Amino acid sequence: MSDAIPLSLASHRLAALSWGDAAAPTWLALHGWLDNAASFSRLAPYLVEQLGIRVVALDFAGHGHSRHRAGDGDYALWDYCHDVLDALDALGLDSAPLLAHSMGAGVACLLAAGLPERIAGLRLIDGLGALSTPPSGVAEQLRKGLLAARRPSSPSPCYADLDSAVQSRVRGSVTPIDAETARPLVKRNLEALSTGGWQLRSDPRLRWPSPVRFTSEQVSAMLEAICCEVLLVEGKDGILAQREQAARARAAVQGLTRCVLPGGHHLHLQAERVPAVAEAIVAHQLAAEGR
């Protein structure tokens, strides 16, 4: 399987990893919150080999090797839409299929609803729609966001070596993740310090609460507006499963194809689960193309 080729896009604002022939049909891959382009390092080579495509995995702003937002710039979900659009423009693509995980799946859904002419299909992995806040919780959500932004900024954590950083990610992860699965993500997110040791590249502001979120009604309306074909690959032990909110989200998307596979939230990066995820995506794509 081919090694990834690093890319610099949008006047060096965004970084990415690319697998496959640059002349092949391109899929743009979008990672989850606090992850990076290495999220697709185990899945992309399978898809390249079996579908004859090119996969370009983006580092969202503030993640991986991409630049942090300037000044007091926010990291709202809809702001990442511009990262995707800038990447499409830089790659000379009028439209492309999106392969997206978790938060990236939320960004993909917003784009498919708001700018359907730029999106040629969605391949979502354990993510659909966006986090929402009921009207009764809007003031409290705003309070959290405002207070977080006014606290003194904290430096990024430092680690003696890669293993220490990996163990920190495993312990502090919002969703369960093992060391072997976390290792590619953490490795891409570290930079060497001149004084020795390693520091996280990601912007500490990524952990700030969003001051504003969509309501559940707005999320449903966004999902209902999606008109391209959608494949949703879920981990049996992932974040969607049988949750009521996930069921409502699935019901809102017309023509959604759902595939539930063994694995957790990062099943596309779990070494033993990757072949099954690839098989599901390949089978769906070949059926969509009538092959």
C-alpha atoms as a PDB file:
ATOM      1  CA  MET A   1       0.000   0.000   0.000  1.00  0.00           C
ATOM      2  CA  SER A   2       1.243   3.486  -0.900  1.00  0.00           C
ATOM      3  CA  ASP A   3       2.667   5.996   1.549  1.00  0.00           C
ATOM      4  CA  ALA A   4       0.961   9.320   2.086  1.00  0.00           C
ATOM      5  CA  ILE A   5       2.172  12.425   0.281  1.00  0.00           C
ATOM      6  CA  PRO A   6       2.050  15.664   2.330  1.00  0.00           C
ATOM      7  CA  LEU A   7       0.248  18.601   0.729  1.00  0.00           C
ATOM      8  CA  SER A   8       0.070  22.316   1.484  1.00  0.00           C
ATOM      9  CA  LEU A   9      -3.143  24.044   0.398  1.00  0.00           C
ATOM     10  CA  ALA A  10      -4.829  27.449   0.482  1.00  0.00           C
ATOM     11  CA  SER A  11      -1.658  29.569   0.604  1.00  0.00           C
ATOM     12  CA  HIS A  12      -0.124  27.189   3.181  1.00  0.00           C
ATOM     13  CA  ARG A  13      -3.036  27.723   5.592  1.00  0.00           C
ATOM     14  CA  LEU A  14      -4.108  24.102   5.395  1.00  0.00           C
ATOM     15  CA  ALA A  15      -2.123  20.870   5.422  1.00  0.00           C
ATOM     16  CA  ALA A  16      -3.220  17.518   4.064  1.00  0.00           C
ATOM     17  CA  LEU A  17      -2.122  13.972   3.276  1.00  0.00           C
ATOM     18  CA  SER A  18      -2.737  12.391  -0.114  1.00  0.00           C
ATOM     19  CA  TRP A  19      -2.907   8.771  -1.235  1.00  0.00           C
ATOM     20  CA  GLY A  20      -3.227   7.629  -4.850  1.00  0.00           C
ATOM     21  CA  ASP A  21      -2.595   9.044  -8.308  1.00  0.00           C
ATOM     22  CA  ALA A  22      -3.115  12.810  -8.534  1.00  0.00           C
ATOM     23  CA  ALA A  23      -4.969  12.266 -11.831  1.00  0.00           C
ATOM     24  CA  ALA A  24      -7.494   9.848 -10.300  1.00  0.00           C
ATOM     25  CA  PRO A  25     -10.983  10.927  -9.100  1.00  0.00           C
ATOM     26  CA  THR A  26     -10.473  12.670  -5.752  1.00  0.00           C
ATOM     27  CA  TRP A  27     -12.322  12.091  -2.492  1.00  0.00           C
ATOM     28  CA  LEU A  28     -11.776  14.658   0.268  1.00  0.00           C
ATOM     29  CA  ALA A  29     -11.524  13.162   3.771  1.00  0.00           C
ATOM     30  CA  LEU A  30     -12.542  15.091   6.902  1.00  0.00           C
ATOM     31  CA  HIS A  31     -11.435  14.038  10.390  1.00  0.00           C
ATOM     32  CA  GLY A  32     -13.031  14.370  13.810  1.00  0.00           C
ATOM     33  CA  TRP A  33     -12.519  16.829  16.660  1.00  0.00           C
ATOM     34  CA  LEU A  34      -8.924  16.869  18.004  1.00  0.00           C
ATOM     35  CA  ASP A  35      -7.890  14.339  15.322  1.00  0.00           C
ATOM     36  CA  ASN A  36      -6.103  15.066  12.038  1.00  0.00           C
ATOM     37  CA  ALA A  37      -5.461  13.738   8.526  1.00  0.00           C
ATOM     38  CA  ALA A  38      -3.765  10.605   9.918  1.00  0.00           C
ATOM     39  CA  SER A  39      -7.267   9.487  10.928  1.00  0.00           C
ATOM     40  CA  PHE A  40      -7.488   7.986   7.413  1.00  0.00           C
ATOM     41  CA  SER A  41      -3.958   6.551   7.240  1.00  0.00           C
ATOM     42  CA  ARG A  42      -5.173   2.947   7.490  1.00  0.00           C
ATOM     43  CA  LEU A  43      -8.413   3.219   5.491  1.00  0.00           C
ATOM     44  CA  ALA A  44      -7.313   5.404   2.563  1.00  0.00           C
ATOM     45  CA  PRO A  45      -4.828   2.915   1.034  1.00  0.00           C
ATOM     46  CA  TYR A  46      -7.566   0.258   0.852  1.00  0.00           C
ATOM     47  CA  LEU A  47      -9.941   2.612  -0.942  1.00  0.00           C
ATOM     48  CA  VAL A  48      -7.230   3.798  -3.326  1.00  0.00           C
ATOM     49  CA  GLU A  49      -6.318   0.240  -4.242  1.00  0.00           C
ATOM     50  CA  GLN A  50      -9.860  -1.088  -4.619  1.00  0.00           C
ATOM     51  CA  LEU A  51     -11.595   1.914  -6.203  1.00  0.00           C
ATOM     52  CA  GLY A  52      -8.773   3.510  -8.175  1.00  0.00           C
ATOM     53  CA  ILE A  53      -9.350   6.879  -6.516  1.00  0.00           C
ATOM     54  CA  ARG A  54      -7.228   9.507  -4.831  1.00  0.00           C
ATOM     55  CA  VAL A  55      -7.931  10.321  -1.176  1.00  0.00           C
ATOM     56  CA  VAL A  56      -6.880  13.727   0.160  1.00  0.00           C
ATOM     57  CA  ALA A  57      -7.255  13.931   3.934  1.00  0.00           C
ATOM     58  CA  LEU A  58      -7.383  17.449   5.311  1.00  0.00           C
ATOM     59  CA  ASP A  59      -6.085  18.807   8.608  1.00  0.00           C
ATOM     60  CA  PHE A  60      -8.815  21.203   9.723  1.00  0.00           C
ATOM     61  CA  ALA A  61      -7.640  24.616  10.961  1.00  0.00           C
ATOM     62  CA  GLY A  62      -6.060  24.336  14.393  1.00  0.00           C
ATOM     63  CA  HIS A  63      -5.485  20.593  13.951  1.00  0.00           C
ATOM     64  CA  GLY A  64      -2.440  18.617  12.826  1.00  0.00           C
ATOM     65  CA  HIS A  65      -0.114  20.640  10.596  1.00  0.00           C
ATOM     66  CA  SER A  66      -2.667  23.299   9.590  1.00  0.00           C
ATOM     67  CA  ARG A  67      -2.394  26.851  10.920  1.00  0.00           C
ATOM     68  CA  HIS A  68      -4.309  28.013  13.967  1.00  0.00           C
ATOM     69  CA  ARG A  69      -7.072  30.548  13.468  1.00  0.00           C
ATOM     70  CA  ALA A  70      -5.667  34.075  13.674  1.00  0.00           C
ATOM     71  CA  GLY A  71      -6.366  36.364  16.616  1.00  0.00           C
ATOM     72  CA  ASP A  72      -9.587  35.561  18.421  1.00  0.00           C
ATOM     73  CA  GLY A  73     -10.873  33.398  15.569  1.00  0.00           C
ATOM     74  CA  ASP A  74     -13.476  30.820  16.529  1.00  0.00           C
ATOM     75  CA  TYR A  75     -13.694  27.119  15.728  1.00  0.00           C
ATOM     76  CA  ALA A  76     -17.435  26.889  15.142  1.00  0.00           C
ATOM     77  CA  LEU A  77     -18.591  23.881  13.149  1.00  0.00           C
ATOM     78  CA  TRP A  78     -19.638  26.019  10.178  1.00  0.00           C
ATOM     79  CA  ASP A  79     -16.242  27.728  10.041  1.00  0.00           C
ATOM     80  CA  TYR A  80     -14.704  24.403   9.010  1.00  0.00           C
ATOM     81  CA  CYS A  81     -16.883  24.515   5.903  1.00  0.00           C
ATOM     82  CA  HIS A  82     -14.531  27.177   4.545  1.00  0.00           C
ATOM     83  CA  ASP A  83     -11.573  24.847   5.120  1.00  0.00           C
ATOM     84  CA  VAL A  84     -13.260  22.265   2.895  1.00  0.00           C
ATOM     85  CA  LEU A  85     -14.209  24.809   0.242  1.00  0.00           C
ATOM     86  CA  ASP A  86     -10.700  26.282   0.250  1.00  0.00           C
ATOM     87  CA  ALA A  87      -9.267  22.777  -0.162  1.00  0.00           C
ATOM     88  CA  LEU A  88     -11.618  21.975  -3.053  1.00  0.00           C
ATOM     89  CA  ASP A  89     -10.664  25.235  -4.760  1.00  0.00           C
ATOM     90  CA  ALA A  90      -6.940  24.607  -4.199  1.00  0.00           C
ATOM     91  CA  LEU A  91      -7.274  21.136  -5.714  1.00  0.00           C
ATOM     92  CA  GLY A  92      -9.166  22.530  -8.704  1.00  0.00           C
ATOM     93  CA  LEU A  93     -12.313  20.555  -7.895  1.00  0.00           C
ATOM     94  CA  ASP A  94     -15.788  21.859  -8.665  1.00  0.00           C
ATOM     95  CA  SER A  95     -17.163  19.054  -6.502  1.00  0.00           C
ATOM     96  CA  ALA A  96     -16.014  15.859  -4.799  1.00  0.00           C
ATOM     97  CA  PRO A  97     -17.306  13.039  -2.610  1.00  0.00           C
ATOM     98  CA  LEU A  98     -16.620  13.555   1.086  1.00  0.00           C
ATOM     99  CA  LEU A  99     -15.326  10.777   3.341  1.00  0.00           C
ATOM    100  CA  ALA A 100     -15.897  12.066   6.842  1.00  0.00           C
ATOM    101  CA  HIS A 101     -15.647  10.926  10.469  1.00  0.00           C
ATOM    102  CA  SER A 102     -17.358  12.307  13.576  1.00  0.00           C
ATOM    103  CA  MET A 103     -17.080  16.133  13.606  1.00  0.00           C
ATOM    104  CA  GLY A 104     -15.967  15.941   9.990  1.00  0.00           C
ATOM    105  CA  ALA A 105     -19.247  14.190   9.221  1.00  0.00           C
ATOM    106  CA  GLY A 106     -21.080  17.137  10.753  1.00  0.00           C
ATOM    107  CA  VAL A 107     -19.153  19.556   8.536  1.00  0.00           C
ATOM    108  CA  ALA A 108     -19.883  17.341   5.511  1.00  0.00           C
ATOM    109  CA  CYS A 109     -23.615  17.388   6.274  1.00  0.00           C
ATOM    110  CA  LEU A 110     -23.659  21.191   6.514  1.00  0.00           C
ATOM    111  CA  LEU A 111     -21.936  21.508   3.153  1.00  0.00           C
ATOM    112  CA  ALA A 112     -24.174  18.935   1.462  1.00  0.00           C
ATOM    113  CA  ALA A 113     -27.193  20.894   2.677  1.00  0.00           C
ATOM    114  CA  GLY A 114     -25.953  24.423   2.012  1.00  0.00           C
ATOM    115  CA  LEU A 115     -23.832  23.945  -1.126  1.00  0.00           C
ATOM    116  CA  PRO A 116     -25.031  20.691  -2.718  1.00  0.00           C
ATOM    117  CA  GLU A 117     -23.404  21.569  -6.035  1.00  0.00           C
ATOM    118  CA  ARG A 118     -19.964  21.138  -4.410  1.00  0.00           C
ATOM    119  CA  ILE A 119     -20.646  17.726  -2.829  1.00  0.00           C
ATOM    120  CA  ALA A 120     -20.824  14.550  -4.942  1.00  0.00           C
ATOM    121  CA  GLY A 121     -21.869  12.152  -2.195  1.00  0.00           C
ATOM    122  CA  LEU A 122     -21.243  11.484   1.484  1.00  0.00           C
ATOM    123  CA  ARG A 123     -19.416   8.541   3.067  1.00  0.00           C
ATOM    124  CA  LEU A 124     -19.874   9.138   6.782  1.00  0.00           C
ATOM    125  CA  ILE A 125     -18.179   7.195   9.578  1.00  0.00           C
ATOM    126  CA  ASP A 126     -19.799   7.227  13.027  1.00  0.00           C
ATOM    127  CA  GLY A 127     -21.117  10.753  12.685  1.00  0.00           C
ATOM    128  CA  LEU A 128     -24.253  12.418  11.353  1.00  0.00           C
ATOM    129  CA  GLY A 129     -25.544  15.953  11.783  1.00  0.00           C
ATOM    130  CA  ALA A 130     -24.303  18.188  14.576  1.00  0.00           C
ATOM    131  CA  LEU A 131     -24.413  18.667  18.320  1.00  0.00           C
ATOM    132  CA  SER A 132     -27.450  20.730  19.265  1.00  0.00           C
ATOM    133  CA  THR A 133     -28.682  22.825  22.174  1.00  0.00           C
ATOM    134  CA  PRO A 134     -32.384  23.209  23.052  1.00  0.00           C
ATOM    135  CA  PRO A 135     -33.696  26.782  23.221  1.00  0.00           C
ATOM    136  CA  SER A 136     -33.852  26.520  27.013  1.00  0.00           C
ATOM    137  CA  GLY A 137     -30.085  25.894  27.119  1.00  0.00           C
ATOM    138  CA  VAL A 138     -28.955  28.658  24.744  1.00  0.00           C
ATOM    139  CA  ALA A 139     -28.097  31.167  27.481  1.00  0.00           C
ATOM    140  CA  GLU A 140     -26.050  28.638  29.462  1.00  0.00           C
ATOM    141  CA  GLN A 141     -24.192  27.522  26.316  1.00  0.00           C
ATOM    142  CA  LEU A 142     -23.385  31.151  25.509  1.00  0.00           C
ATOM    143  CA  ARG A 143     -22.140  31.697  29.066  1.00  0.00           C
ATOM    144  CA  LYS A 144     -19.766  28.719  28.811  1.00  0.00           C
ATOM    145  CA  GLY A 145     -18.365  29.932  25.523  1.00  0.00           C
ATOM    146  CA  LEU A 146     -17.866  33.525  26.656  1.00  0.00           C
ATOM    147  CA  LEU A 147     -16.171  32.583  29.933  1.00  0.00           C
ATOM    148  CA  ALA A 148     -13.836  30.116  28.209  1.00  0.00           C
ATOM    149  CA  ALA A 149     -12.716  32.755  25.705  1.00  0.00           C
ATOM    150  CA  ARG A 150     -11.872  35.228  28.486  1.00  0.00           C
ATOM    151  CA  ARG A 151      -9.721  32.887  30.560  1.00  0.00           C
ATOM    152  CA  PRO A 152      -5.930  33.229  30.224  1.00  0.00           C
ATOM    153  CA  SER A 153      -4.688  30.905  27.507  1.00  0.00           C
ATOM    154  CA  SER A 154      -2.820  27.784  28.572  1.00  0.00           C
ATOM    155  CA  PRO A 155       0.236  26.425  26.743  1.00  0.00           C
ATOM    156  CA  SER A 156      -0.088  23.133  24.890  1.00  0.00           C
ATOM    157  CA  PRO A 157       0.936  20.069  26.927  1.00  0.00           C
ATOM    158  CA  CYS A 158       4.487  18.758  26.562  1.00  0.00           C
ATOM    159  CA  TYR A 159       5.613  15.123  26.660  1.00  0.00           C
ATOM    160  CA  ALA A 160       8.918  13.318  27.041  1.00  0.00           C
ATOM    161  CA  ASP A 161       8.202  10.951  24.139  1.00  0.00           C
ATOM    162  CA  LEU A 162       5.540   9.632  21.771  1.00  0.00           C
ATOM    163  CA  ASP A 163       4.431   6.862  24.115  1.00  0.00           C
ATOM    164  CA  SER A 164       3.710   9.355  26.903  1.00  0.00           C
ATOM    165  CA  ALA A 165       1.640  11.493  24.531  1.00  0.00           C
ATOM    166  CA  VAL A 166      -0.275   8.451  23.306  1.00  0.00           C
ATOM    167  CA  GLN A 167      -1.108   7.366  26.840  1.00  0.00           C
ATOM    168  CA  SER A 168      -2.318  10.882  27.635  1.00  0.00           C
ATOM    169  CA  ARG A 169      -4.649  10.766  24.618  1.00  0.00           C
ATOM    170  CA  VAL A 170      -5.979   7.355  25.668  1.00  0.00           C
ATOM    171  CA  ARG A 171      -6.669   8.545  29.216  1.00  0.00           C
ATOM    172  CA  GLY A 172      -8.213  11.865  28.224  1.00  0.00           C
ATOM    173  CA  SER A 173     -10.234  10.830  25.182  1.00  0.00           C
ATOM    174  CA  VAL A 174     -13.934  11.725  25.170  1.00  0.00           C
ATOM    175  CA  THR A 175     -14.632   8.401  23.421  1.00  0.00           C
ATOM    176  CA  PRO A 176     -12.766   5.158  24.226  1.00  0.00           C
ATOM    177  CA  ILE A 177      -9.628   4.655  22.145  1.00  0.00           C
ATOM    178  CA  ASP A 178      -6.699   2.246  22.533  1.00  0.00           C
ATOM    179  CA  ALA A 179      -3.029   3.113  22.168  1.00  0.00           C
ATOM    180  CA  GLU A 180      -2.557   1.387  18.805  1.00  0.00           C
ATOM    181  CA  THR A 181      -5.496   3.272  17.304  1.00  0.00           C
ATOM    182  CA  ALA A 182      -4.445   6.607  18.815  1.00  0.00           C
ATOM    183  CA  ARG A 183      -0.782   6.388  17.803  1.00  0.00           C
ATOM    184  CA  PRO A 184      -1.051   7.735  14.196  1.00  0.00           C
ATOM    185  CA  LEU A 185      -3.194  10.660  15.359  1.00  0.00           C
ATOM    186  CA  VAL A 186      -0.858  11.605  18.189  1.00  0.00           C
ATOM    187  CA  LYS A 187       2.296  11.197  16.086  1.00  0.00           C
ATOM    188  CA  ARG A 188       1.033  13.688  13.484  1.00  0.00           C
ATOM    189  CA  ASN A 189       0.018  16.115  16.228  1.00  0.00           C
ATOM    190  CA  LEU A 190       3.455  16.401  17.865  1.00  0.00           C
ATOM    191  CA  GLU A 191       6.298  18.806  17.178  1.00  0.00           C
ATOM    192  CA  ALA A 192       9.793  18.619  18.659  1.00  0.00           C
ATOM    193  CA  LEU A 193      10.893  21.283  21.140  1.00  0.00           C
ATOM    194  CA  SER A 194      14.366  22.805  20.952  1.00  0.00           C
ATOM    195  CA  THR A 195      14.695  22.163  24.685  1.00  0.00           C
ATOM    196  CA  GLY A 196      13.831  18.482  24.275  1.00  0.00           C
ATOM    197  CA  GLY A 197      10.547  16.654  24.420  1.00  0.00           C
ATOM    198  CA  TRP A 198       7.426  17.081  22.343  1.00  0.00           C
ATOM    199  CA  GLN A 199       4.494  19.491  22.306  1.00  0.00           C
ATOM    200  CA  LEU A 200       1.022  19.169  20.827  1.00  0.00           C
ATOM    201  CA  ARG A 201       0.533  21.134  17.602  1.00  0.00           C
ATOM    202  CA  SER A 202      -3.244  21.523  17.984  1.00  0.00           C
ATOM    203  CA  ASP A 203      -4.691  24.843  19.129  1.00  0.00           C
ATOM    204  CA  PRO A 204      -5.723  24.737  22.834  1.00  0.00           C
ATOM    205  CA  ARG A 205      -8.777  26.830  21.847  1.00  0.00           C
ATOM    206  CA  LEU A 206     -10.264  23.746  20.195  1.00  0.00           C
ATOM    207  CA  ARG A 207     -11.382  22.646  23.647  1.00  0.00           C
ATOM    208  CA  TRP A 208     -13.370  25.799  24.326  1.00  0.00           C
ATOM    209  CA  PRO A 209     -17.153  25.268  24.436  1.00  0.00           C
ATOM    210  CA  SER A 210     -18.972  26.686  21.413  1.00  0.00           C
ATOM    211  CA  PRO A 211     -20.899  29.831  22.436  1.00  0.00           C
ATOM    212  CA  VAL A 212     -23.657  28.980  19.932  1.00  0.00           C
ATOM    213  CA  ARG A 213     -25.013  25.691  18.587  1.00  0.00           C
ATOM    214  CA  PHE A 214     -27.838  24.759  16.252  1.00  0.00           C
ATOM    215  CA  THR A 215     -31.117  23.631  17.790  1.00  0.00           C
ATOM    216  CA  SER A 216     -32.260  20.064  17.112  1.00  0.00           C
ATOM    217  CA  GLU A 217     -34.924  21.452  14.760  1.00  0.00           C
ATOM    218  CA  GLN A 218     -32.265  23.281  12.746  1.00  0.00           C
ATOM    219  CA  VAL A 219     -30.110  20.156  12.556  1.00  0.00           C
ATOM    220  CA  SER A 220     -33.076  18.122  11.311  1.00  0.00           C
ATOM    221  CA  ALA A 221     -33.896  20.746   8.687  1.00  0.00           C
ATOM    222  CA  MET A 222     -30.274  20.693   7.517  1.00  0.00           C
ATOM    223  CA  LEU A 223     -30.304  16.903   7.216  1.00  0.00           C
ATOM    224  CA  GLU A 224     -33.618  16.971   5.347  1.00  0.00           C
ATOM    225  CA  ALA A 225     -32.046  19.322   2.783  1.00  0.00           C
ATOM    226  CA  ILE A 226     -29.334  16.809   1.811  1.00  0.00           C
ATOM    227  CA  CYS A 227     -30.088  15.513  -1.678  1.00  0.00           C
ATOM    228  CA  CYS A 228     -26.969  13.476  -2.544  1.00  0.00           C
ATOM    229  CA  GLU A 229     -26.627   9.779  -1.777  1.00  0.00           C
ATOM    230  CA  VAL A 230     -25.352   9.031   1.733  1.00  0.00           C
ATOM    231  CA  LEU A 231     -23.654   5.999   3.263  1.00  0.00           C
ATOM    232  CA  LEU A 232     -23.415   5.946   7.049  1.00  0.00           C
ATOM    233  CA  VAL A 233     -20.994   3.410   8.539  1.00  0.00           C
ATOM    234  CA  GLU A 234     -21.517   3.143  12.296  1.00  0.00           C
ATOM    235  CA  GLY A 235     -19.484   1.400  14.961  1.00  0.00           C
ATOM    236  CA  LYS A 236     -21.591  -0.956  17.048  1.00  0.00           C
ATOM    237  CA  ASP A 237     -19.920   0.569  20.099  1.00  0.00           C
ATOM    238  CA  GLY A 238     -19.653   4.059  18.614  1.00  0.00           C
ATOM    239  CA  ILE A 239     -21.389   7.325  19.487  1.00  0.00           C
ATOM    240  CA  LEU A 240     -24.573   6.828  17.448  1.00  0.00           C
ATOM    241  CA  ALA A 241     -25.881   3.288  18.063  1.00  0.00           C
ATOM    242  CA  GLN A 242     -29.495   3.296  19.249  1.00  0.00           C
ATOM    243  CA  ARG A 243     -29.540   6.793  20.741  1.00  0.00           C
ATOM    244  CA  GLU A 244     -32.793   8.649  20.165  1.00  0.00           C
ATOM    245  CA  GLN A 245     -31.080  11.700  18.671  1.00  0.00           C
ATOM    246  CA  ALA A 246     -29.181   9.501  16.195  1.00  0.00           C
ATOM    247  CA  ALA A 247     -32.384   7.746  15.161  1.00  0.00           C
ATOM    248  CA  ARG A 248     -34.024  11.115  14.434  1.00  0.00           C
ATOM    249  CA  ALA A 249     -30.995  12.198  12.425  1.00  0.00           C
ATOM    250  CA  ARG A 250     -31.029   9.028  10.318  1.00  0.00           C
ATOM    251  CA  ALA A 251     -34.750   9.389   9.663  1.00  0.00           C
ATOM    252  CA  ALA A 252     -34.252  12.957   8.413  1.00  0.00           C
ATOM    253  CA  VAL A 253     -31.868  11.979   5.594  1.00  0.00           C
ATOM    254  CA  GLN A 254     -33.608  10.838   2.423  1.00  0.00           C
ATOM    255  CA  GLY A 255     -32.240   7.630   0.956  1.00  0.00           C
ATOM    256  CA  LEU A 256     -29.623   7.062   3.641  1.00  0.00           C
ATOM    257  CA  THR A 257     -27.875   3.672   3.571  1.00  0.00           C
ATOM    258  CA  ARG A 258     -26.881   2.501   7.037  1.00  0.00           C
ATOM    259  CA  CYS A 259     -24.207  -0.090   7.800  1.00  0.00           C
ATOM    260  CA  VAL A 260     -23.435  -1.073  11.415  1.00  0.00           C
ATOM    261  CA  LEU A 261     -20.112  -2.851  11.955  1.00  0.00           C
ATOM    262  CA  PRO A 262     -18.246  -4.178  15.003  1.00  0.00           C
ATOM    263  CA  GLY A 263     -15.981  -1.524  16.456  1.00  0.00           C
ATOM    264  CA  GLY A 264     -15.876   1.737  18.333  1.00  0.00           C
ATOM    265  CA  HIS A 265     -16.001   5.380  17.356  1.00  0.00           C
ATOM    266  CA  HIS A 266     -12.656   5.161  15.507  1.00  0.00           C
ATOM    267  CA  LEU A 267     -13.432   1.871  13.749  1.00  0.00           C
ATOM    268  CA  HIS A 268     -11.911   3.210  10.503  1.00  0.00           C
ATOM    269  CA  LEU A 269      -8.572   3.483  12.326  1.00  0.00           C
ATOM    270  CA  GLN A 270      -8.802   0.298  14.399  1.00  0.00           C
ATOM    271  CA  ALA A 271      -6.398  -2.018  12.540  1.00  0.00           C
ATOM    272  CA  GLU A 272      -8.595  -5.098  12.871  1.00  0.00           C
ATOM    273  CA  ARG A 273     -11.757  -3.198  11.791  1.00  0.00           C
ATOM    274  CA  VAL A 274     -10.414  -1.272   8.802  1.00  0.00           C
ATOM    275  CA  PRO A 275     -10.902  -4.039   6.171  1.00  0.00           C
ATOM    276  CA  ALA A 276     -14.608  -4.328   6.996  1.00  0.00           C
ATOM    277  CA  VAL A 277     -15.086  -0.556   6.841  1.00  0.00           C
ATOM    278  CA  ALA A 278     -13.298  -0.449   3.490  1.00  0.00           C
ATOM    279  CA  GLU A 279     -15.401  -3.346   2.189  1.00  0.00           C
ATOM    280  CA  ALA A 280     -18.638  -1.549   3.110  1.00  0.00           C
ATOM    281  CA  ILE A 281     -17.565   1.685   1.407  1.00  0.00           C
ATOM    282  CA  VAL A 282     -16.280  -0.098  -1.697  1.00  0.00           C
ATOM    283  CA  ALA A 283     -19.453  -2.179  -2.048  1.00  0.00           C
ATOM    284  CA  HIS A 284     -21.627   0.908  -1.734  1.00  0.00           C
ATOM    285  CA  GLN A 285     -19.561   2.841  -4.270  1.00  0.00           C
ATOM    286  CA  LEU A 286     -19.570   0.040  -6.831  1.00  0.00           C
ATOM    287  CA  ALA A 287     -23.333  -0.337  -6.459  1.00  0.00           C
ATOM    288  CA  ALA A 288     -23.799   3.413  -6.877  1.00  0.00           C
ATOM    289  CA  GLU A 289     -21.741   3.283 -10.089  1.00  0.00           C
ATOM    290  CA  GLY A 290     -23.632   0.223 -11.334  1.00  0.00           C
ATOM    291  CA  ARG A 291     -20.508  -1.897 -11.377  1.00  0.00           C
END
